[in-house]
N, C-alpha and C. Protein backbone atom coordinates (compact mmCIF):
# COMPACT_ATOMS: atom_id res chain seq x y z
N MET A 1 -12.98 23.99 -99.78
CA MET A 1 -11.82 23.88 -100.16
C MET A 1 -10.91 24.89 -99.66
N MET A 2 -11.08 26.39 -99.44
CA MET A 2 -10.67 27.45 -98.93
C MET A 2 -10.27 27.10 -97.24
N LEU A 3 -11.26 26.44 -96.34
CA LEU A 3 -11.08 26.31 -95.31
C LEU A 3 -9.92 25.30 -94.83
N VAL A 4 -9.75 24.21 -95.67
CA VAL A 4 -8.84 23.43 -95.71
C VAL A 4 -7.63 24.23 -95.48
N ILE A 5 -7.27 25.13 -96.83
CA ILE A 5 -6.13 25.83 -96.97
C ILE A 5 -5.68 26.61 -95.92
N LEU A 6 -6.67 27.04 -95.05
CA LEU A 6 -6.28 27.97 -93.99
C LEU A 6 -6.01 27.11 -92.56
N VAL A 7 -6.78 26.32 -92.65
CA VAL A 7 -6.37 25.33 -91.59
C VAL A 7 -4.69 24.81 -91.40
N VAL A 8 -4.43 24.31 -92.61
CA VAL A 8 -3.00 23.62 -93.16
C VAL A 8 -1.98 24.82 -92.67
N SER A 9 -2.37 25.88 -93.44
CA SER A 9 -1.39 27.27 -93.08
C SER A 9 -1.35 27.40 -91.94
N VAL A 10 -2.49 27.72 -90.69
CA VAL A 10 -2.45 27.95 -89.59
C VAL A 10 -1.25 26.94 -88.57
N ALA A 11 -1.62 25.67 -89.33
CA ALA A 11 -1.07 24.37 -88.28
C ALA A 11 0.05 24.83 -88.78
N GLY A 12 0.66 24.67 -90.25
CA GLY A 12 2.02 24.96 -90.32
C GLY A 12 2.76 25.95 -89.58
N THR A 13 2.15 27.01 -89.53
CA THR A 13 2.49 27.94 -88.88
C THR A 13 3.21 27.60 -87.45
N LEU A 14 1.76 26.89 -87.09
CA LEU A 14 2.36 26.17 -85.45
C LEU A 14 3.28 25.71 -85.54
N VAL A 15 3.63 24.51 -86.14
CA VAL A 15 4.69 23.50 -86.28
C VAL A 15 5.76 24.57 -86.55
N PHE A 16 6.05 25.28 -87.38
CA PHE A 16 7.19 26.05 -87.78
C PHE A 16 7.58 26.94 -86.36
N VAL A 17 6.56 27.53 -85.93
CA VAL A 17 7.26 28.35 -84.72
C VAL A 17 7.33 27.54 -83.39
N GLY A 18 6.61 26.35 -83.10
CA GLY A 18 6.86 25.49 -82.29
C GLY A 18 8.08 24.83 -82.27
N ASN A 19 8.74 24.75 -83.50
CA ASN A 19 10.04 23.88 -83.86
C ASN A 19 11.05 25.04 -83.47
N LEU A 20 10.72 26.11 -83.79
CA LEU A 20 11.75 27.20 -83.63
C LEU A 20 12.11 27.70 -81.66
N PHE A 21 10.86 27.47 -81.09
CA PHE A 21 11.04 27.65 -79.77
C PHE A 21 11.81 26.26 -78.90
N ALA A 22 11.38 24.96 -79.89
CA ALA A 22 11.80 24.05 -79.05
C ALA A 22 13.21 23.92 -79.32
N ILE A 23 13.86 24.72 -80.41
CA ILE A 23 15.41 24.59 -80.60
C ILE A 23 15.67 25.58 -79.65
N MET A 24 15.32 26.48 -79.42
CA MET A 24 15.92 27.82 -78.22
C MET A 24 15.82 26.74 -77.03
N TYR A 25 14.68 26.08 -76.83
CA TYR A 25 14.90 25.76 -75.15
C TYR A 25 16.27 24.44 -75.34
N ALA A 26 16.07 23.84 -76.23
CA ALA A 26 16.76 22.68 -76.35
C ALA A 26 18.43 23.10 -76.13
N PHE A 27 18.90 24.18 -77.16
CA PHE A 27 20.09 24.54 -76.84
C PHE A 27 20.55 25.11 -75.29
N GLY A 28 19.07 25.73 -75.16
CA GLY A 28 19.40 26.31 -73.56
C GLY A 28 19.54 25.03 -72.58
N GLN A 29 19.45 24.28 -72.97
CA GLN A 29 19.59 22.78 -71.97
C GLN A 29 20.94 22.48 -71.94
N ASN A 30 21.28 22.05 -73.41
CA ASN A 30 22.58 21.13 -73.39
C ASN A 30 22.65 21.56 -75.25
N VAL A 31 23.98 21.64 -75.55
CA VAL A 31 24.15 21.94 -76.91
C VAL A 31 24.09 20.74 -78.02
N TRP A 32 23.93 19.29 -77.49
CA TRP A 32 23.89 18.18 -77.98
C TRP A 32 22.12 18.09 -77.99
N TRP A 33 21.46 18.42 -77.03
CA TRP A 33 19.69 18.39 -77.91
C TRP A 33 19.79 19.27 -78.40
N GLY A 34 20.48 20.53 -78.58
CA GLY A 34 19.95 21.37 -79.39
C GLY A 34 20.37 21.32 -80.79
N ILE A 35 21.42 20.44 -81.10
CA ILE A 35 22.26 20.03 -82.15
C ILE A 35 20.93 18.95 -83.00
N ALA A 36 20.82 18.08 -81.97
CA ALA A 36 19.84 16.76 -82.32
C ALA A 36 18.40 17.30 -83.09
N VAL A 37 17.98 18.30 -82.07
CA VAL A 37 16.71 19.16 -82.60
C VAL A 37 16.75 19.83 -83.72
N LEU A 38 17.73 20.53 -83.96
CA LEU A 38 18.25 21.45 -85.29
C LEU A 38 18.01 20.47 -86.54
N LEU A 39 18.87 19.41 -86.19
CA LEU A 39 19.03 18.40 -87.82
C LEU A 39 18.19 17.33 -87.68
N ILE A 40 17.84 16.70 -86.94
CA ILE A 40 16.97 15.50 -86.86
C ILE A 40 15.55 15.86 -87.11
N PRO A 41 14.82 15.84 -88.29
CA PRO A 41 13.62 16.07 -88.43
C PRO A 41 12.37 15.67 -87.20
N LEU A 42 11.52 16.57 -87.15
CA LEU A 42 10.36 15.92 -86.06
C LEU A 42 10.87 15.32 -84.44
N PHE A 43 12.24 15.50 -84.53
CA PHE A 43 12.63 15.69 -83.03
C PHE A 43 12.79 16.12 -81.81
N SER A 44 12.13 17.32 -82.33
CA SER A 44 11.58 18.30 -81.64
C SER A 44 10.20 17.74 -80.57
N VAL A 45 9.75 16.96 -81.07
CA VAL A 45 8.43 16.18 -80.91
C VAL A 45 8.68 15.67 -79.58
N ILE A 46 9.77 14.67 -79.64
CA ILE A 46 10.51 13.62 -78.48
C ILE A 46 10.91 14.79 -77.76
N TYR A 47 11.62 15.56 -78.16
CA TYR A 47 12.51 16.75 -76.86
C TYR A 47 11.21 16.98 -75.87
N CYS A 48 10.28 17.81 -76.82
CA CYS A 48 9.08 18.70 -75.93
C CYS A 48 8.23 17.40 -75.05
N ALA A 49 8.30 16.44 -75.60
CA ALA A 49 7.61 15.42 -74.90
C ALA A 49 8.20 14.47 -73.72
N ARG A 50 9.78 14.73 -73.76
CA ARG A 50 10.69 14.15 -72.44
C ARG A 50 10.83 15.65 -71.56
N ASN A 51 10.74 16.76 -71.62
CA ASN A 51 11.27 17.91 -71.13
C ASN A 51 9.98 18.91 -71.22
N TRP A 52 9.13 18.11 -70.86
CA TRP A 52 7.83 18.70 -70.72
C TRP A 52 7.78 20.14 -69.72
N ASP A 53 8.18 20.16 -68.67
CA ASP A 53 8.09 21.21 -67.90
C ASP A 53 9.24 22.43 -68.21
N ARG A 54 9.83 21.99 -69.13
CA ARG A 54 10.87 23.07 -69.82
C ARG A 54 10.23 23.53 -71.11
N ALA A 55 9.91 22.97 -71.67
CA ALA A 55 9.40 23.01 -73.30
C ALA A 55 7.65 22.99 -73.42
N GLY A 56 7.28 23.38 -72.23
CA GLY A 56 6.00 22.77 -72.87
C GLY A 56 5.00 23.75 -73.94
N TYR A 57 5.53 24.96 -73.36
CA TYR A 57 4.88 25.88 -74.60
C TYR A 57 5.17 25.52 -75.99
N ALA A 58 6.15 25.13 -76.45
CA ALA A 58 6.65 24.51 -77.75
C ALA A 58 6.09 23.67 -77.95
N GLY A 59 5.73 22.55 -77.39
CA GLY A 59 5.18 21.58 -77.34
C GLY A 59 3.56 21.33 -77.56
N LYS A 60 2.96 22.58 -77.04
CA LYS A 60 1.45 22.64 -77.07
C LYS A 60 1.46 23.24 -78.53
N MET A 61 2.27 24.13 -78.69
CA MET A 61 2.33 24.83 -80.19
C MET A 61 2.80 23.57 -81.24
N LEU A 62 3.61 22.54 -81.20
CA LEU A 62 3.95 21.51 -81.88
C LEU A 62 2.88 20.45 -82.15
N TYR A 63 2.31 20.20 -80.92
CA TYR A 63 1.35 19.15 -81.17
C TYR A 63 0.05 19.84 -81.72
N ALA A 64 -0.70 20.68 -81.34
CA ALA A 64 -1.64 21.57 -82.10
C ALA A 64 -1.37 21.59 -83.63
N GLY A 65 -0.58 22.15 -83.92
CA GLY A 65 -0.25 22.07 -85.32
C GLY A 65 -0.13 20.72 -85.88
N LEU A 66 0.59 20.04 -85.58
CA LEU A 66 0.60 18.42 -86.33
C LEU A 66 -0.76 17.73 -85.84
N ALA A 67 -1.51 18.08 -85.28
CA ALA A 67 -2.93 17.53 -84.90
C ALA A 67 -3.80 18.57 -85.92
N GLY A 68 -3.56 19.39 -86.27
CA GLY A 68 -4.40 20.30 -87.70
C GLY A 68 -3.56 19.77 -88.62
N VAL A 69 -2.27 19.47 -88.98
CA VAL A 69 -1.98 19.01 -90.48
C VAL A 69 -2.60 17.31 -90.28
N GLY A 70 -2.69 16.62 -89.36
CA GLY A 70 -3.36 15.57 -89.55
C GLY A 70 -4.65 15.38 -89.93
N LEU A 71 -5.60 16.21 -89.50
CA LEU A 71 -6.83 16.37 -89.61
C LEU A 71 -7.23 17.11 -90.99
N THR A 72 -6.53 17.83 -91.30
CA THR A 72 -6.66 18.30 -92.95
C THR A 72 -6.42 17.37 -93.65
N TYR A 73 -5.26 16.56 -93.51
CA TYR A 73 -5.12 15.53 -94.36
C TYR A 73 -6.18 14.54 -94.47
N PHE A 74 -6.61 14.30 -93.27
CA PHE A 74 -7.63 13.23 -93.45
C PHE A 74 -8.79 13.83 -93.72
N ALA A 75 -9.25 15.03 -93.79
CA ALA A 75 -10.18 15.50 -94.57
C ALA A 75 -9.93 15.67 -95.88
N LEU A 76 -9.04 15.86 -96.22
CA LEU A 76 -8.55 16.24 -97.59
C LEU A 76 -8.88 14.27 -98.18
N LEU A 77 -8.44 13.49 -97.83
CA LEU A 77 -8.95 12.11 -97.91
C LEU A 77 -9.97 11.71 -98.17
N VAL A 78 -10.67 12.19 -97.30
CA VAL A 78 -12.61 12.25 -97.61
C VAL A 78 -13.01 12.70 -98.67
N MET A 79 -12.59 13.89 -98.62
CA MET A 79 -13.11 14.70 -99.73
C MET A 79 -13.11 13.97 -101.39
N VAL A 80 -11.59 13.60 -101.27
CA VAL A 80 -11.30 13.07 -102.81
C VAL A 80 -12.04 11.80 -102.87
N LYS A 81 -12.43 10.85 -101.62
CA LYS A 81 -12.70 9.72 -102.00
C LYS A 81 -14.79 9.95 -102.33
N THR A 82 -15.12 11.04 -101.66
CA THR A 82 -16.40 11.27 -102.25
C THR A 82 -16.72 11.91 -103.45
N ASN A 83 -15.92 12.56 -103.85
CA ASN A 83 -16.14 13.79 -104.77
C ASN A 83 -14.49 13.67 -105.71
N PRO A 84 -14.35 12.18 -106.72
CA PRO A 84 -13.38 12.17 -107.52
C PRO A 84 -13.39 12.89 -108.39
N ILE A 85 -12.17 13.73 -108.81
CA ILE A 85 -11.86 14.55 -110.06
C ILE A 85 -12.39 13.65 -111.29
């Protein structure tokens, strides 16, 4: 269980920092992109995919963090299914 908490913490940090970088890159490109990335949840994923040459670093952090959160969620579902409380 401690490993799950550690993985989700690292993944959440990656998503947070990647989102901050995506906001900076988006505002550097255009104000409207920046406002959209700032106000619309997970729009930074779309921005990084469309502008990979500019925001590839932020995209790698975002995608790695989202994959970590998804795998942790799947692992928790399997753990609860096999060992119900």
